[in-house]
PDB file of N, CA and C in Angstrom:
ATOM      1  N   MET A   1      11.354  -8.847  14.986  1.00  0.00           N
ATOM      2  CA  MET A   1      11.555  -9.306  13.602  1.00  0.00           C
ATOM      3  C   MET A   1      12.978  -9.927  13.610  1.00  0.00           C
ATOM      4  N   HIS A   2      13.081 -11.095  13.064  1.00  0.00           N
ATOM      5  CA  HIS A   2      14.396 -11.808  12.991  1.00  0.00           C
ATOM      6  C   HIS A   2      15.152 -11.196  11.821  1.00  0.00           C
ATOM      7  N   SER A   3      16.480 -11.110  12.001  1.00  0.00           N
ATOM      8  CA  SER A   3      17.379 -10.552  10.966  1.00  0.00           C
ATOM      9  C   SER A   3      18.237 -11.723  10.384  1.00  0.00           C
ATOM     10  N   TRP A   4      18.394 -11.725   9.096  1.00  0.00           N
ATOM     11  CA  TRP A   4      19.208 -12.738   8.421  1.00  0.00           C
ATOM     12  C   TRP A   4      20.192 -12.016   7.477  1.00  0.00           C
ATOM     13  N   GLN A   5      21.409 -12.521   7.484  1.00  0.00           N
ATOM     14  CA  GLN A   5      22.354 -12.055   6.453  1.00  0.00           C
ATOM     15  C   GLN A   5      21.974 -12.715   5.150  1.00  0.00           C
ATOM     16  N   LEU A   6      22.207 -12.038   4.042  1.00  0.00           N
ATOM     17  CA  LEU A   6      21.770 -12.489   2.768  1.00  0.00           C
ATOM     18  C   LEU A   6      22.219 -13.974   2.459  1.00  0.00           C
ATOM     19  N   GLN A   7      23.472 -14.246   2.635  1.00  0.00           N
ATOM     20  CA  GLN A   7      23.977 -15.586   2.403  1.00  0.00           C
ATOM     21  C   GLN A   7      23.244 -16.651   3.226  1.00  0.00           C
ATOM     22  N   GLU A   8      23.046 -16.291   4.496  1.00  0.00           N
ATOM     23  CA  GLU A   8      22.342 -17.273   5.436  1.00  0.00           C
ATOM     24  C   GLU A   8      20.881 -17.459   4.961  1.00  0.00           C
ATOM     25  N   ALA A   9      20.233 -16.341   4.562  1.00  0.00           N
ATOM     26  CA  ALA A   9      18.824 -16.409   4.124  1.00  0.00           C
ATOM     27  C   ALA A   9      18.762 -17.239   2.895  1.00  0.00           C
ATOM     28  N   LYS A  10      19.740 -17.159   1.949  1.00  0.00           N
ATOM     29  CA  LYS A  10      19.708 -17.931   0.732  1.00  0.00           C
ATOM     30  C   LYS A  10      19.865 -19.421   1.037  1.00  0.00           C
ATOM     31  N   SER A  11      20.779 -19.770   1.932  1.00  0.00           N
ATOM     32  CA  SER A  11      21.029 -21.159   2.214  1.00  0.00           C
ATOM     33  C   SER A  11      19.964 -21.811   3.086  1.00  0.00           C
ATOM     34  N   ARG A  12      19.193 -21.001   3.850  1.00  0.00           N
ATOM     35  CA  ARG A  12      18.142 -21.515   4.697  1.00  0.00           C
ATOM     36  C   ARG A  12      16.774 -20.934   4.335  1.00  0.00           C
ATOM     37  N   PHE A  13      16.556 -20.782   2.985  1.00  0.00           N
ATOM     38  CA  PHE A  13      15.399 -20.071   2.559  1.00  0.00           C
ATOM     39  C   PHE A  13      14.114 -20.714   2.994  1.00  0.00           C
ATOM     40  N   SER A  14      14.000 -22.075   3.025  1.00  0.00           N
ATOM     41  CA  SER A  14      12.783 -22.765   3.497  1.00  0.00           C
ATOM     42  C   SER A  14      12.503 -22.387   4.952  1.00  0.00           C
ATOM     43  N   GLU A  15      13.516 -22.286   5.776  1.00  0.00           N
ATOM     44  CA  GLU A  15      13.348 -21.937   7.133  1.00  0.00           C
ATOM     45  C   GLU A  15      12.870 -20.516   7.252  1.00  0.00           C
ATOM     46  N   VAL A  16      13.462 -19.614   6.439  1.00  0.00           N
ATOM     47  CA  VAL A  16      13.020 -18.194   6.429  1.00  0.00           C
ATOM     48  C   VAL A  16      11.518 -18.085   6.080  1.00  0.00           C
ATOM     49  N   VAL A  17      11.084 -18.840   5.087  1.00  0.00           N
ATOM     50  CA  VAL A  17       9.694 -18.797   4.686  1.00  0.00           C
ATOM     51  C   VAL A  17       8.861 -19.362   5.794  1.00  0.00           C
ATOM     52  N   ASP A  18       9.233 -20.490   6.416  1.00  0.00           N
ATOM     53  CA  ASP A  18       8.425 -21.053   7.491  1.00  0.00           C
ATOM     54  C   ASP A  18       8.274 -20.147   8.646  1.00  0.00           C
ATOM     55  N   LEU A  19       9.388 -19.410   9.040  1.00  0.00           N
ATOM     56  CA  LEU A  19       9.296 -18.480  10.125  1.00  0.00           C
ATOM     57  C   LEU A  19       8.475 -17.277   9.760  1.00  0.00           C
ATOM     58  N   THR A  20       8.515 -16.844   8.456  1.00  0.00           N
ATOM     59  CA  THR A  20       7.666 -15.757   8.023  1.00  0.00           C
ATOM     60  C   THR A  20       6.209 -16.097   8.201  1.00  0.00           C
ATOM     61  N   LEU A  21       5.798 -17.298   7.877  1.00  0.00           N
ATOM     62  CA  LEU A  21       4.398 -17.696   8.002  1.00  0.00           C
ATOM     63  C   LEU A  21       4.001 -17.903   9.449  1.00  0.00           C
ATOM     64  N   THR A  22       4.950 -18.285  10.259  1.00  0.00           N
ATOM     65  CA  THR A  22       4.554 -18.558  11.665  1.00  0.00           C
ATOM     66  C   THR A  22       4.802 -17.424  12.666  1.00  0.00           C
ATOM     67  N   GLU A  23       5.865 -16.667  12.419  1.00  0.00           N
ATOM     68  CA  GLU A  23       6.269 -15.601  13.392  1.00  0.00           C
ATOM     69  C   GLU A  23       6.107 -14.181  12.823  1.00  0.00           C
ATOM     70  N   GLY A  24       6.041 -14.049  11.493  1.00  0.00           N
ATOM     71  CA  GLY A  24       5.919 -12.717  10.965  1.00  0.00           C
ATOM     72  C   GLY A  24       7.069 -12.363  10.037  1.00  0.00           C
ATOM     73  N   PRO A  25       7.122 -11.049   9.627  1.00  0.00           N
ATOM     74  CA  PRO A  25       8.144 -10.615   8.682  1.00  0.00           C
ATOM     75  C   PRO A  25       9.544 -10.942   9.112  1.00  0.00           C
ATOM     76  N   GLN A  26      10.424 -11.156   8.080  1.00  0.00           N
ATOM     77  CA  GLN A  26      11.836 -11.465   8.354  1.00  0.00           C
ATOM     78  C   GLN A  26      12.663 -10.415   7.556  1.00  0.00           C
ATOM     79  N   LEU A  27      13.690  -9.874   8.218  1.00  0.00           N
ATOM     80  CA  LEU A  27      14.529  -8.850   7.664  1.00  0.00           C
ATOM     81  C   LEU A  27      15.798  -9.537   7.087  1.00  0.00           C
ATOM     82  N   VAL A  28      16.115  -9.219   5.851  1.00  0.00           N
ATOM     83  CA  VAL A  28      17.307  -9.696   5.201  1.00  0.00           C
ATOM     84  C   VAL A  28      18.268  -8.524   4.999  1.00  0.00           C
ATOM     85  N   THR A  29      19.509  -8.703   5.473  1.00  0.00           N
ATOM     86  CA  THR A  29      20.492  -7.597   5.339  1.00  0.00           C
ATOM     87  C   THR A  29      21.483  -7.927   4.297  1.00  0.00           C
ATOM     88  N   GLN A  30      22.071  -6.907   3.782  1.00  0.00           N
ATOM     89  CA  GLN A  30      23.090  -7.013   2.682  1.00  0.00           C
ATOM     90  C   GLN A  30      24.229  -6.015   3.054  1.00  0.00           C
ATOM     91  N   ARG A  31      25.408  -6.519   3.202  1.00  0.00           N
ATOM     92  CA  ARG A  31      26.575  -5.685   3.566  1.00  0.00           C
ATOM     93  C   ARG A  31      26.277  -4.945   4.858  1.00  0.00           C
ATOM     94  N   GLY A  32      25.590  -5.583   5.813  1.00  0.00           N
ATOM     95  CA  GLY A  32      25.412  -4.992   7.110  1.00  0.00           C
ATOM     96  C   GLY A  32      24.216  -4.099   7.318  1.00  0.00           C
ATOM     97  N   SER A  33      23.490  -3.817   6.257  1.00  0.00           N
ATOM     98  CA  SER A  33      22.314  -2.921   6.425  1.00  0.00           C
ATOM     99  C   SER A  33      21.054  -3.623   5.817  1.00  0.00           C
ATOM    100  N   GLY A  34      19.946  -3.198   6.350  1.00  0.00           N
ATOM    101  CA  GLY A  34      18.675  -3.789   5.915  1.00  0.00           C
ATOM    102  C   GLY A  34      18.436  -3.655   4.422  1.00  0.00           C
ATOM    103  N   ALA A  35      18.087  -4.721   3.779  1.00  0.00           N
ATOM    104  CA  ALA A  35      17.935  -4.699   2.272  1.00  0.00           C
ATOM    105  C   ALA A  35      16.444  -4.958   1.941  1.00  0.00           C
ATOM    106  N   VAL A  36      15.834  -6.057   2.484  1.00  0.00           N
ATOM    107  CA  VAL A  36      14.483  -6.399   2.148  1.00  0.00           C
ATOM    108  C   VAL A  36      13.804  -6.952   3.378  1.00  0.00           C
ATOM    109  N   VAL A  37      12.491  -6.997   3.340  1.00  0.00           N
ATOM    110  CA  VAL A  37      11.687  -7.646   4.363  1.00  0.00           C
ATOM    111  C   VAL A  37      10.870  -8.682   3.644  1.00  0.00           C
ATOM    112  N   ILE A  38      10.886  -9.910   4.140  1.00  0.00           N
ATOM    113  CA  ILE A  38      10.045 -10.945   3.537  1.00  0.00           C
ATOM    114  C   ILE A  38       8.734 -11.006   4.342  1.00  0.00           C
ATOM    115  N   LEU A  39       7.604 -10.897   3.600  1.00  0.00           N
ATOM    116  CA  LEU A  39       6.285 -10.847   4.182  1.00  0.00           C
ATOM    117  C   LEU A  39       5.441 -12.022   3.723  1.00  0.00           C
ATOM    118  N   ALA A  40       4.512 -12.473   4.566  1.00  0.00           N
ATOM    119  CA  ALA A  40       3.492 -13.407   4.085  1.00  0.00           C
ATOM    120  C   ALA A  40       2.518 -12.685   3.169  1.00  0.00           C
ATOM    121  N   VAL A  41       1.905 -13.404   2.229  1.00  0.00           N
ATOM    122  CA  VAL A  41       1.040 -12.796   1.218  1.00  0.00           C
ATOM    123  C   VAL A  41      -0.098 -12.071   1.893  1.00  0.00           C
ATOM    124  N   GLU A  42      -0.656 -12.598   2.988  1.00  0.00           N
ATOM    125  CA  GLU A  42      -1.739 -11.921   3.693  1.00  0.00           C
ATOM    126  C   GLU A  42      -1.293 -10.536   4.233  1.00  0.00           C
ATOM    127  N   ASP A  43      -0.111 -10.473   4.776  1.00  0.00           N
ATOM    128  CA  ASP A  43       0.396  -9.191   5.237  1.00  0.00           C
ATOM    129  C   ASP A  43       0.606  -8.187   4.110  1.00  0.00           C
ATOM    130  N   TYR A  44       1.158  -8.685   3.026  1.00  0.00           N
ATOM    131  CA  TYR A  44       1.369  -7.851   1.856  1.00  0.00           C
ATOM    132  C   TYR A  44       0.034  -7.249   1.308  1.00  0.00           C
ATOM    133  N   ARG A  45      -0.900  -8.146   1.163  1.00  0.00           N
ATOM    134  CA  ARG A  45      -2.217  -7.680   0.613  1.00  0.00           C
ATOM    135  C   ARG A  45      -2.900  -6.693   1.520  1.00  0.00           C
ATOM    136  N   ARG A  46      -2.747  -6.915   2.906  1.00  0.00           N
ATOM    137  CA  ARG A  46      -3.323  -5.975   3.862  1.00  0.00           C
ATOM    138  C   ARG A  46      -2.640  -4.586   3.738  1.00  0.00           C
ATOM    139  N   LEU A  47      -1.368  -4.579   3.454  1.00  0.00           N
ATOM    140  CA  LEU A  47      -0.632  -3.321   3.303  1.00  0.00           C
ATOM    141  C   LEU A  47      -0.966  -2.553   2.020  1.00  0.00           C
ATOM    142  N   VAL A  48      -1.065  -3.287   0.936  1.00  0.00           N
ATOM    143  CA  VAL A  48      -1.309  -2.596  -0.371  1.00  0.00           C
ATOM    144  C   VAL A  48      -2.730  -2.564  -0.772  1.00  0.00           C
ATOM    145  N   GLY A  49      -3.587  -3.364  -0.196  1.00  0.00           N
ATOM    146  CA  GLY A  49      -4.970  -3.395  -0.523  1.00  0.00           C
ATOM    147  C   GLY A  49      -5.170  -4.128  -1.860  1.00  0.00           C
ATOM    148  N   ASP A  50      -6.378  -4.616  -2.037  1.00  0.00           N
ATOM    149  CA  ASP A  50      -6.730  -5.353  -3.235  1.00  0.00           C
ATOM    150  C   ASP A  50      -7.572  -4.537  -4.171  1.00  0.00           C
ATOM    151  N   GLY A  51      -7.925  -3.371  -3.831  1.00  0.00           N
ATOM    152  CA  GLY A  51      -8.777  -2.521  -4.684  1.00  0.00           C
ATOM    153  C   GLY A  51      -7.994  -1.849  -5.767  1.00  0.00           C
ATOM    154  N   PRO A  52      -8.730  -1.214  -6.675  1.00  0.00           N
ATOM    155  CA  PRO A  52      -8.073  -0.507  -7.782  1.00  0.00           C
ATOM    156  C   PRO A  52      -7.238   0.667  -7.243  1.00  0.00           C
ATOM    157  N   ASN A  53      -6.211   1.049  -8.019  1.00  0.00           N
ATOM    158  CA  ASN A  53      -5.449   2.203  -7.563  1.00  0.00           C
ATOM    159  C   ASN A  53      -6.128   3.495  -8.001  1.00  0.00           C
ATOM    160  N   LEU A  54      -5.655   4.624  -7.621  1.00  0.00           N
ATOM    161  CA  LEU A  54      -6.262   5.884  -7.919  1.00  0.00           C
ATOM    162  C   LEU A  54      -6.410   6.156  -9.426  1.00  0.00           C
ATOM    163  N   ILE A  55      -5.380   5.838 -10.175  1.00  0.00           N
ATOM    164  CA  ILE A  55      -5.461   6.065 -11.640  1.00  0.00           C
ATOM    165  C   ILE A  55      -6.536   5.233 -12.261  1.00  0.00           C
ATOM    166  N   ASP A  56      -6.615   3.955 -11.900  1.00  0.00           N
ATOM    167  CA  ASP A  56      -7.667   3.111 -12.460  1.00  0.00           C
ATOM    168  C   ASP A  56      -9.020   3.616 -12.087  1.00  0.00           C
ATOM    169  N   HIS A  57      -9.190   4.113 -10.880  1.00  0.00           N
ATOM    170  CA  HIS A  57     -10.479   4.585 -10.415  1.00  0.00           C
ATOM    171  C   HIS A  57     -10.898   5.868 -11.211  1.00  0.00           C
ATOM    172  N   LEU A  58      -9.896   6.795 -11.370  1.00  0.00           N
ATOM    173  CA  LEU A  58     -10.219   8.014 -12.122  1.00  0.00           C
ATOM    174  C   LEU A  58     -10.501   7.704 -13.588  1.00  0.00           C
ATOM    175  N   LEU A  59      -9.825   6.765 -14.164  1.00  0.00           N
ATOM    176  CA  LEU A  59     -10.068   6.436 -15.617  1.00  0.00           C
ATOM    177  C   LEU A  59     -11.445   5.714 -15.813  1.00  0.00           C
ATOM    178  N   SER A  60     -11.961   5.162 -14.706  1.00  0.00           N
ATOM    179  CA  SER A  60     -13.201   4.431 -14.857  1.00  0.00           C
ATOM    180  C   SER A  60     -14.469   5.357 -14.748  1.00  0.00           C
ATOM    181  N   VAL A  61     -14.271   6.633 -14.463  1.00  0.00           N
ATOM    182  CA  VAL A  61     -15.374   7.565 -14.285  1.00  0.00           C
ATOM    183  C   VAL A  61     -16.023   7.783 -15.590  1.00  0.00           C
ATOM    184  N   PRO A  62     -17.424   7.738 -15.636  1.00  0.00           N
ATOM    185  CA  PRO A  62     -18.088   7.996 -16.945  1.00  0.00           C
ATOM    186  C   PRO A  62     -17.776   9.323 -17.502  1.00  0.00           C
ATOM    187  N   ARG A  63     -17.729   9.439 -18.779  1.00  0.00           N
ATOM    188  CA  ARG A  63     -17.379  10.709 -19.422  1.00  0.00           C
ATOM    189  C   ARG A  63     -18.532  11.147 -20.337  1.00  0.00           C
ATOM    190  N   GLY A  64     -18.551  12.457 -20.666  1.00  0.00           N
ATOM    191  CA  GLY A  64     -19.452  12.961 -21.676  1.00  0.00           C
ATOM    192  C   GLY A  64     -20.794  13.403 -21.121  1.00  0.00           C
ATOM    193  N   GLU A  65     -21.066  13.164 -19.792  1.00  0.00           N
ATOM    194  CA  GLU A  65     -22.312  13.634 -19.229  1.00  0.00           C
ATOM    195  C   GLU A  65     -22.143  14.972 -18.576  1.00  0.00           C
ATOM    196  N   ALA A  66     -23.049  15.900 -18.895  1.00  0.00           N
ATOM    197  CA  ALA A  66     -22.953  17.210 -18.320  1.00  0.00           C
ATOM    198  C   ALA A  66     -23.339  17.175 -16.843  1.00  0.00           C
ATOM    199  N   LEU A  67     -22.662  17.957 -16.009  1.00  0.00           N
ATOM    200  CA  LEU A  67     -22.968  18.018 -14.629  1.00  0.00           C
ATOM    201  C   LEU A  67     -24.201  18.992 -14.447  1.00  0.00           C
ATOM    202  N   ALA A  68     -25.080  18.543 -13.582  1.00  0.00           N
ATOM    203  CA  ALA A  68     -26.257  19.345 -13.261  1.00  0.00           C
ATOM    204  C   ALA A  68     -25.943  20.128 -11.991  1.00  0.00           C
ATOM    205  N   ILE A  69     -25.543  21.386 -12.125  1.00  0.00           N
ATOM    206  CA  ILE A  69     -25.187  22.172 -10.957  1.00  0.00           C
ATOM    207  C   ILE A  69     -26.236  23.270 -10.754  1.00  0.00           C
ATOM    208  N   ALA A  70     -26.873  23.213  -9.563  1.00  0.00           N
ATOM    209  CA  ALA A  70     -27.902  24.217  -9.257  1.00  0.00           C
ATOM    210  C   ALA A  70     -27.239  25.283  -8.434  1.00  0.00           C
ATOM    211  N   ARG A  71     -27.314  26.509  -8.926  1.00  0.00           N
ATOM    212  CA  ARG A  71     -26.721  27.653  -8.263  1.00  0.00           C
ATOM    213  C   ARG A  71     -27.757  28.301  -7.393  1.00  0.00           C
ATOM    214  N   SER A  72     -27.382  28.766  -6.241  1.00  0.00           N
ATOM    215  CA  SER A  72     -28.266  29.483  -5.325  1.00  0.00           C
ATOM    216  C   SER A  72     -28.726  30.778  -5.995  1.00  0.00           C
ATOM    217  N   LYS A  73     -29.983  31.161  -5.795  1.00  0.00           N
ATOM    218  CA  LYS A  73     -30.488  32.391  -6.391  1.00  0.00           C
ATOM    219  C   LYS A  73     -30.406  33.525  -5.351  1.00  0.00           C
ATOM    220  N   LYS A  74     -29.926  33.242  -4.151  1.00  0.00           N
ATOM    221  CA  LYS A  74     -29.793  34.292  -3.127  1.00  0.00           C
ATOM    222  C   LYS A  74     -28.622  35.239  -3.506  1.00  0.00           C
ATOM    223  N   PRO A  75     -28.807  36.570  -3.274  1.00  0.00           N
ATOM    224  CA  PRO A  75     -27.728  37.505  -3.551  1.00  0.00           C
ATOM    225  C   PRO A  75     -26.560  37.229  -2.618  1.00  0.00           C
ATOM    226  N   ILE A  76     -25.420  37.645  -3.046  1.00  0.00           N
ATOM    227  CA  ILE A  76     -24.188  37.543  -2.259  1.00  0.00           C
ATOM    228  C   ILE A  76     -24.294  38.451  -1.041  1.00  0.00           C
ATOM    229  N   SER A  77     -24.035  37.911   0.116  1.00  0.00           N
ATOM    230  CA  SER A  77     -24.141  38.706   1.352  1.00  0.00           C
ATOM    231  C   SER A  77     -22.752  39.395   1.611  1.00  0.00           C
ATOM    232  N   ASP A  78     -22.843  40.598   2.238  1.00  0.00           N
ATOM    233  CA  ASP A  78     -21.718  41.304   2.636  1.00  0.00           C
ATOM    234  C   ASP A  78     -21.018  40.627   3.823  1.00  0.00           C
ATOM    235  N   LEU A  79     -19.703  40.712   3.915  1.00  0.00           N
ATOM    236  CA  LEU A  79     -19.007  40.115   4.968  1.00  0.00           C
ATOM    237  C   LEU A  79     -18.839  41.056   6.182  1.00  0.00           C
ATOM    238  N   ASP A  80     -19.020  42.342   5.893  1.00  0.00           N
ATOM    239  CA  ASP A  80     -18.899  43.347   7.000  1.00  0.00           C
ATOM    240  C   ASP A  80     -20.151  43.232   7.816  1.00  0.00           C
ATOM    241  N   PRO A  81     -20.010  43.294   9.163  1.00  0.00           N
ATOM    242  CA  PRO A  81     -21.161  43.226  10.051  1.00  0.00           C
ATOM    243  C   PRO A  81     -21.971  44.498  10.092  1.00  0.00           C
TER     244      PRO A  81
END
């Protein structure tokens, strides 16, 4: 992964984008330490997924219907051999 200082990345942004699309993610540093990584959209979508998040999934579950739970009629067995 290529590393860019923030000022250099700002002045050469088109080149940073082109390299991101052809070579992969680009690291941008600020004050000597990693600040952000620039990703292609395809890489980002692969990482976060396009499906609904857990909260959306749980909120979409149908409500108000009783659960049909069948309980076994067998007596409880002892655990001692």
